[in-house]
Amino acid sequence: MMRKEKEITNRKELDVILSKARICRIGFVDENRAYIVPMNFGYKNNCLYFHSALVGKKIDLIQKNTVVCFEVDIDHDIVDTGVVCNWSTKYTSSICQGNPFLLYAV
């Protein structure tokens, strides 16, 4: 992380972000390109649950390469400075990466 002073390492703060967020973006590896999908998800007992069909592009990509990342963000606020190209956004986010575990409910 470029700005270590902004890094959130407190588990309770991360739990708040994951509990409040409604949409996440999951990044997959597709050959030599990134493939990002916005998805609904659930968070309970330190686990993330992503809704997905049992077949399709996401499943195909995970089977080829289990490296994924995801991002969630909350508390959005656009900062209008009144100067063109000098606006900003305030938000809180979490970005994580790793290997997904696929569980199929029957």
C-alpha atoms as a PDB file:
ATOM      1  CA  MET A   1       0.000   0.000   0.000  1.00  0.00           C
ATOM      2  CA  MET A   2       1.359   3.363  -1.008  1.00  0.00           C
ATOM      3  CA  ARG A   3       0.032   5.382   1.948  1.00  0.00           C
ATOM      4  CA  LYS A   4       0.555   3.180   4.999  1.00  0.00           C
ATOM      5  CA  GLU A   5      -1.079   5.802   7.258  1.00  0.00           C
ATOM      6  CA  LYS A   6      -4.381   5.089   5.471  1.00  0.00           C
ATOM      7  CA  GLU A   7      -4.158   1.291   5.817  1.00  0.00           C
ATOM      8  CA  ILE A   8      -6.887  -0.277   7.970  1.00  0.00           C
ATOM      9  CA  THR A   9      -5.606  -3.243   9.962  1.00  0.00           C
ATOM     10  CA  ASN A  10      -8.071  -3.178  12.851  1.00  0.00           C
ATOM     11  CA  ARG A  11     -10.362  -6.206  12.480  1.00  0.00           C
ATOM     12  CA  LYS A  12     -13.389  -4.368  13.922  1.00  0.00           C
ATOM     13  CA  GLU A  13     -13.023  -1.574  11.356  1.00  0.00           C
ATOM     14  CA  LEU A  14     -12.759  -4.127   8.555  1.00  0.00           C
ATOM     15  CA  ASP A  15     -15.861  -5.909   9.875  1.00  0.00           C
ATOM     16  CA  VAL A  16     -17.786  -2.610   9.756  1.00  0.00           C
ATOM     17  CA  ILE A  17     -16.748  -1.993   6.143  1.00  0.00           C
ATOM     18  CA  LEU A  18     -17.674  -5.518   5.060  1.00  0.00           C
ATOM     19  CA  SER A  19     -20.976  -5.403   6.963  1.00  0.00           C
ATOM     20  CA  LYS A  20     -22.046  -2.036   5.521  1.00  0.00           C
ATOM     21  CA  ALA A  21     -21.025  -2.599   1.901  1.00  0.00           C
ATOM     22  CA  ARG A  22     -23.711  -3.827  -0.483  1.00  0.00           C
ATOM     23  CA  ILE A  23     -21.735  -4.383  -3.677  1.00  0.00           C
ATOM     24  CA  CYS A  24     -18.261  -5.769  -4.189  1.00  0.00           C
ATOM     25  CA  ARG A  25     -16.122  -5.967  -7.265  1.00  0.00           C
ATOM     26  CA  ILE A  26     -14.254  -9.206  -7.860  1.00  0.00           C
ATOM     27  CA  GLY A  27     -11.256  -9.259 -10.167  1.00  0.00           C
ATOM     28  CA  PHE A  28     -10.325 -12.448 -11.971  1.00  0.00           C
ATOM     29  CA  VAL A  29      -7.400 -13.322 -14.219  1.00  0.00           C
ATOM     30  CA  ASP A  30      -8.533 -14.003 -17.803  1.00  0.00           C
ATOM     31  CA  GLU A  31      -5.470 -15.186 -19.754  1.00  0.00           C
ATOM     32  CA  ASN A  32      -3.355 -12.001 -19.723  1.00  0.00           C
ATOM     33  CA  ARG A  33      -6.195  -9.599 -18.875  1.00  0.00           C
ATOM     34  CA  ALA A  34      -8.136  -8.531 -15.829  1.00  0.00           C
ATOM     35  CA  TYR A  35     -11.859  -9.312 -15.669  1.00  0.00           C
ATOM     36  CA  ILE A  36     -13.845  -7.422 -13.014  1.00  0.00           C
ATOM     37  CA  VAL A  37     -17.435  -8.156 -12.021  1.00  0.00           C
ATOM     38  CA  PRO A  38     -19.640  -6.182  -9.586  1.00  0.00           C
ATOM     39  CA  MET A  39     -21.538  -8.620  -7.368  1.00  0.00           C
ATOM     40  CA  ASN A  40     -23.883  -8.826  -4.430  1.00  0.00           C
ATOM     41  CA  PHE A  41     -22.387 -10.580  -1.453  1.00  0.00           C
ATOM     42  CA  GLY A  42     -23.013 -11.471   2.160  1.00  0.00           C
ATOM     43  CA  TYR A  43     -20.701 -11.314   5.150  1.00  0.00           C
ATOM     44  CA  LYS A  44     -21.177 -13.431   8.263  1.00  0.00           C
ATOM     45  CA  ASN A  45     -18.852 -15.162  10.751  1.00  0.00           C
ATOM     46  CA  ASN A  46     -15.730 -13.807   9.021  1.00  0.00           C
ATOM     47  CA  CYS A  47     -16.792 -15.348   5.691  1.00  0.00           C
ATOM     48  CA  LEU A  48     -17.758 -13.697   2.435  1.00  0.00           C
ATOM     49  CA  TYR A  49     -20.521 -15.295   0.398  1.00  0.00           C
ATOM     50  CA  PHE A  50     -20.776 -14.451  -3.299  1.00  0.00           C
ATOM     51  CA  HIS A  51     -23.847 -15.262  -5.348  1.00  0.00           C
ATOM     52  CA  SER A  52     -23.047 -17.085  -8.556  1.00  0.00           C
ATOM     53  CA  ALA A  53     -24.479 -19.578 -10.980  1.00  0.00           C
ATOM     54  CA  LEU A  54     -22.829 -22.994 -10.918  1.00  0.00           C
ATOM     55  CA  VAL A  55     -21.585 -22.507 -14.482  1.00  0.00           C
ATOM     56  CA  GLY A  56     -20.397 -19.481 -16.406  1.00  0.00           C
ATOM     57  CA  LYS A  57     -17.440 -17.216 -16.988  1.00  0.00           C
ATOM     58  CA  LYS A  58     -16.611 -16.587 -13.304  1.00  0.00           C
ATOM     59  CA  ILE A  59     -16.487 -20.305 -12.525  1.00  0.00           C
ATOM     60  CA  ASP A  60     -14.466 -20.996 -15.684  1.00  0.00           C
ATOM     61  CA  LEU A  61     -11.912 -18.327 -14.742  1.00  0.00           C
ATOM     62  CA  ILE A  62     -11.543 -19.588 -11.161  1.00  0.00           C
ATOM     63  CA  GLN A  63     -10.955 -23.098 -12.454  1.00  0.00           C
ATOM     64  CA  LYS A  64      -8.164 -21.794 -14.714  1.00  0.00           C
ATOM     65  CA  ASN A  65      -6.563 -19.469 -12.139  1.00  0.00           C
ATOM     66  CA  THR A  66      -7.552 -19.259  -8.469  1.00  0.00           C
ATOM     67  CA  VAL A  67      -5.963 -15.843  -7.931  1.00  0.00           C
ATOM     68  CA  VAL A  68      -8.709 -13.268  -7.345  1.00  0.00           C
ATOM     69  CA  CYS A  69      -9.085  -9.924  -5.615  1.00  0.00           C
ATOM     70  CA  PHE A  70     -12.124  -8.050  -4.399  1.00  0.00           C
ATOM     71  CA  GLU A  71     -12.956  -4.494  -3.419  1.00  0.00           C
ATOM     72  CA  VAL A  72     -15.779  -2.962  -1.376  1.00  0.00           C
ATOM     73  CA  ASP A  73     -16.376   0.685  -0.534  1.00  0.00           C
ATOM     74  CA  ILE A  74     -18.728   2.638   1.740  1.00  0.00           C
ATOM     75  CA  ASP A  75     -19.436   6.178   3.003  1.00  0.00           C
ATOM     76  CA  HIS A  76     -19.129   7.971  -0.344  1.00  0.00           C
ATOM     77  CA  ASP A  77     -18.969  11.755  -0.473  1.00  0.00           C
ATOM     78  CA  ILE A  78     -18.132  13.834  -3.555  1.00  0.00           C
ATOM     79  CA  VAL A  79     -16.060  16.917  -2.695  1.00  0.00           C
ATOM     80  CA  ASP A  80     -17.011  19.749  -5.080  1.00  0.00           C
ATOM     81  CA  THR A  81     -14.237  22.334  -4.946  1.00  0.00           C
ATOM     82  CA  GLY A  82     -15.840  24.499  -7.603  1.00  0.00           C
ATOM     83  CA  VAL A  83     -12.704  24.110  -9.721  1.00  0.00           C
ATOM     84  CA  VAL A  84     -12.809  21.909 -12.832  1.00  0.00           C
ATOM     85  CA  CYS A  85     -10.596  18.782 -12.504  1.00  0.00           C
ATOM     86  CA  ASN A  86     -10.013  19.445  -8.810  1.00  0.00           C
ATOM     87  CA  TRP A  87     -12.903  17.493  -7.325  1.00  0.00           C
ATOM     88  CA  SER A  88     -12.320  14.597  -4.988  1.00  0.00           C
ATOM     89  CA  THR A  89     -14.129  11.719  -3.334  1.00  0.00           C
ATOM     90  CA  LYS A  90     -14.089  10.676   0.298  1.00  0.00           C
ATOM     91  CA  TYR A  91     -14.812   7.012   0.981  1.00  0.00           C
ATOM     92  CA  THR A  92     -13.723   4.011   2.989  1.00  0.00           C
ATOM     93  CA  SER A  93     -12.709   0.836   1.175  1.00  0.00           C
ATOM     94  CA  SER A  94     -11.139  -2.560   1.586  1.00  0.00           C
ATOM     95  CA  ILE A  95      -9.165  -4.393  -1.085  1.00  0.00           C
ATOM     96  CA  CYS A  96      -8.125  -7.992  -0.549  1.00  0.00           C
ATOM     97  CA  GLN A  97      -6.651 -10.760  -2.649  1.00  0.00           C
ATOM     98  CA  GLY A  98      -6.264 -14.489  -2.385  1.00  0.00           C
ATOM     99  CA  ASN A  99      -7.650 -17.825  -3.447  1.00  0.00           C
ATOM    100  CA  PRO A 100     -11.406 -18.388  -3.346  1.00  0.00           C
ATOM    101  CA  PHE A 101     -12.969 -21.476  -1.856  1.00  0.00           C
ATOM    102  CA  LEU A 102     -15.977 -22.636  -3.810  1.00  0.00           C
ATOM    103  CA  LEU A 103     -18.836 -24.155  -1.861  1.00  0.00           C
ATOM    104  CA  TYR A 104     -21.909 -25.394  -3.651  1.00  0.00           C
ATOM    105  CA  ALA A 105     -25.192 -25.643  -1.798  1.00  0.00           C
ATOM    106  CA  VAL A 106     -27.525 -28.314  -3.117  1.00  0.00           C
END
